[in-house]
Structures are given as structure tokens and as C-alpha cells.
Amino acid sequence: MRHYVERLEEGLISLLLVIMTLLVFLEVVMRFAFNSGFLWLQELTLLVSGWFVLLGASYGVRVGAHIGVDALVRLLKPETRRIVSIIAVLLCLVYCGLLFAGSWVYLEKMHLIELELEDMTILKWQAHSILVIGFGLLAFRFLELLWKMLKGEMDGFNLADEAKEALDELAHGEQDEKGNRS
């Protein structure tokens, strides 16, 4: 079941990226080729990008795609690194909790007054519901990370390491070059 949910998440993020790209392309063509456009396209593009970013943030935590400054933390002993990382995850959960609560209050007020978007006939609370969904999903990802740290499966964030990746690519390139020359 988890596999299907993860594939659904990846598919939705990909679909949002495609939709956002097509909307921007359409906006540019309409504006510069026909000196015209639709007002609602900009608002829809903004909404789609918001959904994309908030779903993408939780996906980034799941796959370790976020870049972090952890040079100092990597110098720590594994157990100390794990404790510091647990504290960092707890702080991330507090952040998500505050934004989730604030989003809930905002959506509740938008629901009560039934305010619509400026250029589309969609209720604001429906269009902006990604706030609660996104921060809830982000908190869930941080809880997963915390659980792995508490069980001892991880001693830190699974962050992207661009410097290591670049060095690995350089080393593989040199090995291929030496292999091709002989």
C-alpha cells in the first residue's frame, strides 16, 4: 500500500509540474504573440505552483533531496549527531505544527465567509487547502524521520551532498578516461 501511495505522490507532483509549465507557456504565448491573455491563468498558475511546492517539500524530506548545511554536525560522533538530529527534527515538527495550526485557522475563516478567488469561481478555502495538506504531510515525513532516528536506523538527516556527488562523478570520469585509454 505504501508503495502505491508514494507512486501516487510522485505522479501528482509530476502532473503539477507539467500543468504549471503548460500554463506558463500558454500565458507567454497569449501575451507576446496575441497581445492578449486570460486573467485567471496567472491565479491558476500561482495555485498550481503552491500545490507543487508544498507537496514537493514533503517529498524532498522523504527522499533526502533537501540541501542542508551539516558540515559541523558531520564532525560529531554518531550518537551525538543522532541526538542533534533528533532535536532538529523536533524543531521542524514544531514549525510544521505552528504552520498547520495557522493554516487551519485561516481556512476555517475562509470557509465561514465563503470568499472566492479574485479571478476564478473557486472558494478560497478549497483552493488553499494545500496549506493544511502540505504541512500535515510534511509533519508526517518528519515523524517518519524521527522514528528512524529513535530506532537507530539513521543518525542524521538524509540530506543531498552535492560536493560528494561532484567528487564521485569526477572520480568515475577519471576512471572511465583511464579505462578508455588503455
Protein backbone atom coordinates (compact mmCIF):
# COMPACT_ATOMS: atom_id res chain seq x y z
CA MET A 1 0.00 0.00 0.00
CA ARG A 2 2.82 2.39 0.92
CA HIS A 3 4.42 1.83 -2.49
CA TYR A 4 1.21 2.89 -4.26
CA VAL A 5 0.82 5.99 -2.10
CA GLU A 6 4.42 7.01 -2.83
CA ARG A 7 3.90 6.46 -6.58
CA LEU A 8 0.68 8.48 -6.40
CA GLU A 9 2.56 11.29 -4.66
CA GLU A 10 5.30 11.26 -7.30
CA GLY A 11 2.75 11.16 -10.10
CA LEU A 12 0.80 14.08 -8.64
CA ILE A 13 3.96 16.17 -8.26
CA SER A 14 4.94 15.37 -11.85
CA LEU A 15 1.47 16.24 -13.11
CA LEU A 16 1.53 19.56 -11.24
CA LEU A 17 4.90 20.40 -12.80
CA VAL A 18 3.58 19.64 -16.28
CA ILE A 19 0.41 21.68 -15.70
CA MET A 20 2.40 24.60 -14.31
CA THR A 21 4.78 24.53 -17.28
CA LEU A 22 1.93 24.43 -19.79
CA LEU A 23 0.09 27.27 -18.04
CA VAL A 24 3.19 29.50 -18.08
CA PHE A 25 3.81 28.62 -21.74
CA LEU A 26 0.20 29.49 -22.61
CA GLU A 27 0.45 32.77 -20.68
CA VAL A 28 3.62 33.78 -22.54
CA VAL A 29 2.23 32.83 -25.97
CA MET A 30 -1.03 34.69 -25.32
CA ARG A 31 0.74 37.79 -24.04
CA PHE A 32 3.52 38.12 -26.59
CA ALA A 33 2.05 36.51 -29.70
CA PHE A 34 -1.53 37.72 -29.42
CA ASN A 35 -1.18 40.72 -27.07
CA SER A 36 -3.95 39.17 -25.01
CA GLY A 37 -4.47 36.71 -22.18
CA PHE A 38 -6.74 35.35 -19.51
CA LEU A 39 -6.64 36.87 -16.03
CA TRP A 40 -7.41 33.57 -14.38
CA LEU A 41 -4.30 31.90 -15.88
CA GLN A 42 -1.97 33.74 -13.53
CA GLU A 43 -4.05 32.86 -10.49
CA LEU A 44 -4.28 29.22 -11.55
CA THR A 45 -0.52 29.10 -12.16
CA LEU A 46 0.09 30.51 -8.69
CA LEU A 47 -2.23 27.93 -7.12
CA VAL A 48 -0.67 25.02 -9.02
CA SER A 49 2.82 26.18 -8.05
CA GLY A 50 1.75 26.39 -4.39
CA TRP A 51 0.46 22.83 -4.50
CA PHE A 52 3.65 21.75 -6.28
CA VAL A 53 5.94 23.39 -3.71
CA LEU A 54 4.13 22.13 -0.62
CA LEU A 55 3.78 18.57 -1.89
CA GLY A 56 7.35 18.71 -3.17
CA ALA A 57 8.68 19.77 0.24
CA SER A 58 7.38 16.63 1.92
CA TYR A 59 8.60 14.51 -0.99
CA GLY A 60 12.03 16.11 -0.58
CA VAL A 61 12.14 15.09 3.08
CA ARG A 62 11.15 11.54 2.14
CA VAL A 63 13.87 11.07 -0.47
CA GLY A 64 16.55 13.26 1.14
CA ALA A 65 16.57 15.84 -1.66
CA HIS A 66 16.85 18.91 0.56
CA ILE A 67 20.22 20.56 0.81
CA GLY A 68 21.36 21.30 4.33
CA VAL A 69 24.36 22.86 6.00
CA ASP A 70 25.60 20.00 8.11
CA ALA A 71 29.40 20.38 7.93
CA LEU A 72 29.64 20.90 11.69
CA VAL A 73 27.16 18.13 12.50
CA ARG A 74 29.12 15.63 10.41
CA LEU A 75 32.15 16.20 12.64
CA LEU A 76 30.22 14.91 15.67
CA LYS A 77 30.31 11.33 16.90
CA PRO A 78 27.43 9.22 15.51
CA GLU A 79 25.48 9.16 18.80
CA THR A 80 25.88 12.92 19.33
CA ARG A 81 24.94 13.52 15.68
CA ARG A 82 21.81 11.43 16.21
CA ILE A 83 20.81 13.47 19.30
CA VAL A 84 21.40 16.78 17.50
CA SER A 85 19.41 15.49 14.51
CA ILE A 86 16.52 14.41 16.76
CA ILE A 87 16.44 17.91 18.25
CA ALA A 88 16.46 19.39 14.72
CA VAL A 89 13.56 17.13 13.67
CA LEU A 90 11.61 18.11 16.78
CA LEU A 91 12.13 21.78 15.88
CA CYS A 92 10.94 21.04 12.34
CA LEU A 93 7.84 19.40 13.81
CA VAL A 94 7.17 22.49 15.95
CA TYR A 95 7.49 24.63 12.80
CA CYS A 96 5.09 22.36 10.89
CA GLY A 97 2.69 22.35 13.82
CA LEU A 98 2.60 26.14 14.00
CA LEU A 99 2.05 26.50 10.26
CA PHE A 100 -0.54 23.70 10.27
CA ALA A 101 -2.47 25.39 13.09
CA GLY A 102 -2.25 28.79 11.42
CA SER A 103 -3.38 27.30 8.11
CA TRP A 104 -6.30 25.61 9.82
CA VAL A 105 -7.44 28.89 11.37
CA TYR A 106 -7.06 30.67 8.02
CA LEU A 107 -9.01 28.02 6.11
CA GLU A 108 -11.69 27.95 8.80
CA LYS A 109 -12.20 31.71 8.43
CA MET A 110 -12.23 31.46 4.63
CA HIS A 111 -14.82 28.69 4.90
CA LEU A 112 -17.04 30.78 7.19
CA ILE A 113 -17.07 33.85 4.94
CA GLU A 114 -17.16 31.83 1.71
CA LEU A 115 -14.76 34.16 -0.07
CA GLU A 116 -13.92 33.29 -3.68
CA LEU A 117 -10.64 33.73 -5.53
CA GLU A 118 -10.25 37.01 -7.41
CA ASP A 119 -10.28 35.63 -10.96
CA MET A 120 -11.87 32.18 -10.61
CA THR A 121 -15.12 30.99 -9.11
CA ILE A 122 -13.46 28.68 -6.63
CA LEU A 123 -13.80 29.16 -2.89
CA LYS A 124 -10.53 30.29 -1.28
CA TRP A 125 -10.64 27.64 1.41
CA GLN A 126 -10.81 24.92 -1.25
CA ALA A 127 -8.02 26.35 -3.37
CA HIS A 128 -5.78 26.99 -0.37
CA SER A 129 -6.47 23.66 1.34
CA ILE A 130 -2.98 22.58 0.29
CA LEU A 131 -1.72 24.56 3.28
CA VAL A 132 -3.18 22.07 5.75
CA ILE A 133 -2.49 19.09 3.47
CA GLY A 134 1.08 20.15 2.74
CA PHE A 135 2.10 20.95 6.32
CA GLY A 136 0.34 17.84 7.58
CA LEU A 137 2.21 15.69 5.08
CA LEU A 138 5.49 17.46 5.88
CA ALA A 139 4.94 16.78 9.59
CA PHE A 140 4.21 13.13 8.77
CA ARG A 141 7.53 12.89 6.87
CA PHE A 142 9.39 14.42 9.80
CA LEU A 143 7.68 11.94 12.16
CA GLU A 144 8.88 9.11 9.90
CA LEU A 145 12.40 10.53 10.05
CA LEU A 146 12.19 10.91 13.83
CA TRP A 147 11.03 7.31 14.18
CA LYS A 148 14.01 6.07 12.14
CA MET A 149 16.37 8.12 14.30
CA LEU A 150 14.83 6.87 17.54
CA LYS A 151 15.11 3.26 16.33
CA GLY A 152 18.78 3.89 15.44
CA GLU A 153 18.31 3.31 11.71
CA MET A 154 19.60 6.82 10.96
CA ASP A 155 21.92 9.16 12.82
CA GLY A 156 21.05 12.30 10.86
CA PHE A 157 19.08 13.79 8.04
CA ASN A 158 19.44 12.06 4.71
CA LEU A 159 20.48 15.31 3.00
CA ALA A 160 21.73 15.75 -0.52
CA ASP A 161 25.52 16.13 -0.61
CA GLU A 162 26.36 17.96 -3.82
CA ALA A 163 30.08 18.16 -3.07
CA LYS A 164 30.34 14.40 -2.53
CA GLU A 165 28.29 13.73 -5.67
CA ALA A 166 30.54 16.04 -7.73
CA LEU A 167 33.68 14.33 -6.41
CA ASP A 168 32.19 10.90 -7.13
CA GLU A 169 31.34 11.95 -10.69
CA LEU A 170 34.83 13.34 -11.15
CA ALA A 171 36.40 10.13 -9.84
CA HIS A 172 34.20 7.96 -12.11
CA GLY A 173 35.03 10.19 -15.07
CA GLU A 174 38.78 9.79 -14.45
CA GLN A 175 38.40 6.02 -14.09
CA ASP A 176 36.43 5.86 -17.37
CA GLU A 177 39.04 8.00 -19.09
CA LYS A 178 41.86 5.74 -17.88
CA GLY A 179 39.86 2.68 -18.85
CA ASN A 180 39.14 4.02 -22.33
CA ARG A 181 42.77 4.96 -22.97
CA SER A 182 44.22 1.52 -22.25
